[in-house]
Amino acid sequence: MVEAFAVASGKGGTGKTTSTLALGMALAESYDVTVVDADTGMANLLFHAGLDDVEVTLHDLLLDETGTDVAEATYDRFGMRVVPCGTSLGAFERADPTRLREVVADLAADADVLLLDSPAALDSKSAILPIVLADRIVVVLQPTIPALSDGLKAQEYARSYGTETAGTVFNRVRDDEETEAIARQAERYFGGETLAMVPESDLVRAARRAGEPLLAHAPDSAAATAYREAARRLDVRPGDSEAVADRFRSAVIPERP
């Protein structure tokens, strides 16, 4: 079985990468999980996962001339497999984003859940591709009206390519009436359900500084508990790995978002 989720937001700074790794660790308690940093232009997952010193990354897999095998860019960390992306601007400019289809297809053969940490700005072929490849998206939002608007744009893009919404994760939540009102609005506009309300926490920033996912750095924190609840609510749908891999390989790449 395998299902691919693109973790999307529509803007930067929402905690999308923190959420991707937290969901990955929580889901890994029940599934074989692979996390891919598909934000090839503004990658930062490697810093969150303590992989900033690795030599082989997703960029190498997207370059024709390297001949790199997917296994060389896949690292076992925190109970899941992680494929980080490099931060070299030169490698990004030389990378062929369409090769991501083959990479994701190869990873699908050895996972129950694929989590694609997607670019925030959906303004290029490489940015939109993770949403095209995913079965469904998880939208990460902060409880503000502008964040709702940006998240809805991401959902609109996804639906235009046939990708539905699995649910929303509210991040950096404060306990006040305004937050509750915004969450009620979100439930009317977004597909799926509200998977979790993750409270504002200094531990999230501390985990990032330590180069660890939140669930490894502060497993008993309220924020970590919220992410485990999100993973519990996320209904992972089984799919035939070979059929899913074939679909990834044959995915039509949009010329523009």
Protein backbone atom coordinates (compact mmCIF):
# COMPACT_ATOMS: atom_id res chain seq x y z
CA MET A 1 0.00 0.00 0.00
CA VAL A 2 1.10 3.58 -0.52
CA GLU A 3 -0.45 7.03 -0.49
CA ALA A 4 1.37 10.27 -1.27
CA PHE A 5 0.50 13.48 0.57
CA ALA A 6 1.81 16.90 -0.41
CA VAL A 7 2.13 19.13 2.65
CA ALA A 8 1.26 22.60 1.34
CA SER A 9 0.56 26.08 2.65
CA GLY A 10 0.45 28.70 -0.09
CA LYS A 11 2.97 30.90 1.74
CA GLY A 12 6.17 30.56 3.71
CA GLY A 13 6.57 30.68 7.46
CA THR A 14 3.53 28.62 8.43
CA GLY A 15 5.54 25.74 9.91
CA LYS A 16 5.09 23.47 6.90
CA THR A 17 8.43 21.69 7.25
CA THR A 18 8.02 21.29 11.02
CA SER A 19 4.58 19.81 10.34
CA THR A 20 5.86 17.47 7.62
CA LEU A 21 8.46 15.91 9.89
CA ALA A 22 6.12 15.80 12.89
CA LEU A 23 3.42 14.05 10.88
CA GLY A 24 6.05 11.73 9.46
CA MET A 25 7.30 10.67 12.87
CA ALA A 26 3.76 10.24 14.21
CA LEU A 27 2.64 8.22 11.19
CA ALA A 28 5.81 6.10 11.41
CA GLU A 29 4.44 4.58 14.61
CA SER A 30 1.98 2.66 12.38
CA TYR A 31 3.31 2.91 8.80
CA ASP A 32 6.49 2.80 6.76
CA VAL A 33 7.00 6.50 6.05
CA THR A 34 9.25 8.33 3.61
CA VAL A 35 9.57 12.12 3.77
CA VAL A 36 10.84 14.02 0.73
CA ASP A 37 11.93 17.65 0.71
CA ALA A 38 10.35 18.56 -2.63
CA ASP A 39 11.01 22.28 -2.14
CA THR A 40 13.97 22.21 -4.52
CA GLY A 41 14.42 25.98 -4.59
CA MET A 42 14.14 26.84 -0.88
CA ALA A 43 15.02 23.58 0.85
CA ASN A 44 15.37 23.60 4.64
CA LEU A 45 14.17 20.18 5.79
CA LEU A 46 17.77 18.96 6.04
CA PHE A 47 18.39 21.48 8.83
CA HIS A 48 15.29 20.35 10.74
CA ALA A 49 16.33 16.69 10.46
CA GLY A 50 20.02 17.06 11.31
CA LEU A 51 21.09 16.21 7.76
CA ASP A 52 22.85 19.44 6.80
CA ASP A 53 26.20 17.62 6.47
CA VAL A 54 25.11 14.89 4.03
CA GLU A 55 26.75 14.82 0.61
CA VAL A 56 23.99 13.29 -1.54
CA THR A 57 20.54 14.92 -1.75
CA LEU A 58 17.48 15.12 -3.97
CA HIS A 59 19.32 17.61 -6.19
CA ASP A 60 21.70 14.82 -7.23
CA LEU A 61 18.72 12.68 -8.26
CA LEU A 62 17.35 15.49 -10.43
CA LEU A 63 20.58 15.94 -12.39
CA ASP A 64 21.03 13.79 -15.48
CA GLU A 65 24.80 13.60 -15.27
CA THR A 66 25.22 12.24 -11.70
CA GLY A 67 23.81 8.73 -12.19
CA THR A 68 22.86 8.76 -8.50
CA ASP A 69 20.61 6.00 -7.18
CA VAL A 70 17.61 6.93 -5.02
CA ALA A 71 18.98 4.84 -2.15
CA GLU A 72 22.08 7.05 -1.98
CA ALA A 73 19.96 10.10 -1.13
CA THR A 74 17.69 8.31 1.35
CA TYR A 75 18.57 8.39 5.05
CA ASP A 76 17.06 6.47 7.96
CA ARG A 77 16.27 9.01 10.64
CA PHE A 78 13.84 9.13 13.57
CA GLY A 79 12.01 5.94 12.55
CA MET A 80 11.37 7.04 8.97
CA ARG A 81 13.23 7.47 5.68
CA VAL A 82 14.17 11.03 4.73
CA VAL A 83 15.20 12.36 1.31
CA PRO A 84 16.60 15.86 1.92
CA CYS A 85 17.19 18.46 -0.77
CA GLY A 86 20.34 20.51 -1.07
CA THR A 87 20.58 24.28 -0.85
CA SER A 88 22.89 24.97 -3.78
CA LEU A 89 21.43 27.54 -6.18
CA GLY A 90 23.57 26.14 -8.98
CA ALA A 91 22.24 22.62 -8.45
CA PHE A 92 18.68 23.96 -8.38
CA GLU A 93 19.19 25.76 -11.67
CA ARG A 94 20.63 22.63 -13.33
CA ALA A 95 18.05 20.23 -11.87
CA ASP A 96 15.33 18.76 -14.07
CA PRO A 97 12.13 18.91 -11.97
CA THR A 98 10.39 16.34 -14.18
CA ARG A 99 12.79 13.70 -12.84
CA LEU A 100 10.92 13.97 -9.52
CA ARG A 101 8.30 11.67 -11.06
CA GLU A 102 10.79 8.82 -11.28
CA VAL A 103 12.19 9.52 -7.81
CA VAL A 104 8.75 9.43 -6.19
CA ALA A 105 7.84 6.31 -8.18
CA ASP A 106 10.93 4.50 -6.88
CA LEU A 107 10.19 5.57 -3.30
CA ALA A 108 6.58 4.39 -3.60
CA ALA A 109 7.75 0.81 -3.92
CA ASP A 110 9.08 0.81 -0.37
CA ALA A 111 6.63 2.92 1.65
CA ASP A 112 3.10 3.03 3.02
CA VAL A 113 3.08 6.83 3.22
CA LEU A 114 4.99 9.42 1.21
CA LEU A 115 5.05 12.98 2.57
CA LEU A 116 6.21 15.61 0.06
CA ASP A 117 7.27 18.86 1.74
CA SER A 118 6.06 21.21 -0.98
CA PRO A 119 7.23 24.70 -1.98
CA ALA A 120 5.28 27.55 -0.45
CA ALA A 121 4.97 29.67 -3.60
CA LEU A 122 3.18 27.87 -6.44
CA ASP A 123 4.79 29.89 -9.20
CA SER A 124 6.74 27.40 -11.32
CA LYS A 125 6.70 23.89 -12.76
CA SER A 126 9.00 22.61 -9.99
CA ALA A 127 6.76 24.20 -7.34
CA ILE A 128 3.47 22.75 -8.60
CA LEU A 129 4.80 19.25 -9.35
CA PRO A 130 4.53 17.81 -5.79
CA ILE A 131 0.83 18.72 -5.74
CA VAL A 132 0.35 17.12 -9.17
CA LEU A 133 2.03 13.91 -8.00
CA ALA A 134 0.25 13.66 -4.65
CA ASP A 135 -2.92 11.71 -4.02
CA ARG A 136 -4.08 14.39 -1.56
CA ILE A 137 -2.74 17.49 0.17
CA VAL A 138 -2.50 18.43 3.83
CA VAL A 139 -2.82 22.21 4.20
CA VAL A 140 -0.81 23.86 7.00
CA LEU A 141 -2.23 27.17 8.18
CA GLN A 142 -1.69 29.77 10.82
CA PRO A 143 -4.98 31.01 12.33
CA THR A 144 -5.13 34.29 10.43
CA ILE A 145 -7.34 35.47 7.58
CA PRO A 146 -4.37 36.04 5.20
CA ALA A 147 -3.13 32.50 5.90
CA LEU A 148 -6.60 31.12 5.11
CA SER A 149 -6.55 32.99 1.81
CA ASP A 150 -3.12 31.62 0.87
CA GLY A 151 -4.14 28.10 1.90
CA LEU A 152 -7.26 28.31 -0.24
CA LYS A 153 -5.12 29.24 -3.22
CA ALA A 154 -3.03 26.13 -2.66
CA GLN A 155 -6.19 24.02 -2.42
CA GLU A 156 -7.54 25.60 -5.63
CA TYR A 157 -4.33 24.75 -7.47
CA ALA A 158 -4.47 21.20 -6.17
CA ARG A 159 -8.07 20.67 -7.20
CA SER A 160 -7.37 22.03 -10.68
CA TYR A 161 -5.01 19.07 -11.11
CA GLY A 162 -7.37 16.54 -9.52
CA THR A 163 -5.72 16.46 -6.09
CA GLU A 164 -8.13 16.68 -3.16
CA THR A 165 -7.56 17.89 0.41
CA ALA A 166 -7.05 15.35 3.19
CA GLY A 167 -7.38 17.95 5.93
CA THR A 168 -5.88 21.04 7.55
CA VAL A 169 -3.38 21.55 10.35
CA PHE A 170 -3.53 24.84 12.24
CA ASN A 171 -0.12 25.78 13.55
CA ARG A 172 1.05 28.33 16.16
CA VAL A 173 -2.41 28.47 17.70
CA ARG A 174 -3.25 30.70 20.63
CA ASP A 175 -6.25 30.04 22.84
CA ASP A 176 -8.58 32.91 21.99
CA GLU A 177 -11.95 33.59 20.40
CA GLU A 178 -10.47 34.88 17.14
CA THR A 179 -8.66 31.60 16.55
CA GLU A 180 -11.84 29.62 17.14
CA ALA A 181 -13.76 31.81 14.68
CA ILE A 182 -11.11 31.39 11.98
CA ALA A 183 -11.06 27.62 12.50
CA ARG A 184 -14.82 27.49 12.02
CA GLN A 185 -14.46 29.43 8.77
CA ALA A 186 -11.78 27.02 7.58
CA GLU A 187 -14.04 24.04 8.11
CA ARG A 188 -16.52 25.57 5.63
CA TYR A 189 -13.96 26.18 2.91
CA PHE A 190 -11.39 23.41 3.09
CA GLY A 191 -11.78 19.78 2.18
CA GLY A 192 -11.23 17.07 4.76
CA GLU A 193 -11.33 17.92 8.44
CA THR A 194 -9.29 20.00 10.84
CA LEU A 195 -6.66 17.45 11.78
CA ALA A 196 -5.13 19.35 14.69
CA MET A 197 -4.74 22.70 16.41
CA VAL A 198 -1.03 22.87 17.24
CA PRO A 199 -0.36 25.38 20.04
CA GLU A 200 2.27 28.10 19.87
CA SER A 201 5.40 26.74 21.55
CA ASP A 202 8.99 27.83 22.07
CA LEU A 203 9.88 24.13 21.90
CA VAL A 204 9.21 24.14 18.15
CA ARG A 205 11.90 26.76 17.64
CA ALA A 206 14.23 24.95 20.05
CA ALA A 207 13.81 21.72 18.06
CA ARG A 208 14.66 23.53 14.83
CA ARG A 209 17.81 24.98 16.41
CA ALA A 210 18.78 21.52 17.66
CA GLY A 211 18.35 19.99 14.20
CA GLU A 212 15.68 17.57 15.43
CA PRO A 213 12.02 17.03 14.56
CA LEU A 214 9.69 18.26 17.29
CA LEU A 215 8.57 14.73 18.24
CA ALA A 216 12.19 13.75 18.86
CA HIS A 217 13.14 16.93 20.72
CA ALA A 218 10.03 17.32 22.89
CA PRO A 219 7.94 14.15 22.55
CA ASP A 220 5.68 14.93 25.51
CA SER A 221 4.93 18.53 24.60
CA ALA A 222 1.43 19.76 23.81
CA ALA A 223 2.50 20.52 20.23
CA ALA A 224 3.82 16.97 19.74
CA THR A 225 0.57 15.56 21.14
CA ALA A 226 -1.39 17.67 18.65
CA TYR A 227 0.63 16.29 15.73
CA ARG A 228 0.03 12.74 16.92
CA GLU A 229 -3.69 13.54 16.95
CA ALA A 230 -3.39 14.85 13.39
CA ALA A 231 -1.72 11.60 12.31
CA ARG A 232 -4.45 9.58 14.02
CA ARG A 233 -7.16 11.53 12.19
CA LEU A 234 -5.48 11.26 8.80
CA ASP A 235 -7.18 8.39 7.00
CA VAL A 236 -4.39 6.79 4.99
CA ARG A 237 -5.88 5.06 1.98
CA PRO A 238 -4.19 1.91 0.71
CA GLY A 239 -3.05 1.82 -2.88
CA ASP A 240 -1.21 -0.74 -4.98
CA SER A 241 2.46 0.29 -4.95
CA GLU A 242 3.14 -0.79 -8.52
CA ALA A 243 0.06 0.97 -9.88
CA VAL A 244 0.86 4.12 -7.93
CA ALA A 245 4.46 4.08 -9.17
CA ASP A 246 3.25 3.78 -12.76
CA ARG A 247 0.93 6.74 -12.21
CA PHE A 248 3.81 8.83 -10.88
CA ARG A 249 6.01 7.98 -13.85
CA SER A 250 3.31 8.91 -16.35
CA ALA A 251 2.10 12.08 -14.58
CA VAL A 252 1.50 14.98 -16.95
CA ILE A 253 3.72 17.92 -16.07
CA PRO A 254 1.92 21.27 -16.31
CA GLU A 255 3.63 23.89 -18.43
CA ARG A 256 2.65 26.56 -15.94
CA PRO A 257 0.79 26.69 -12.60
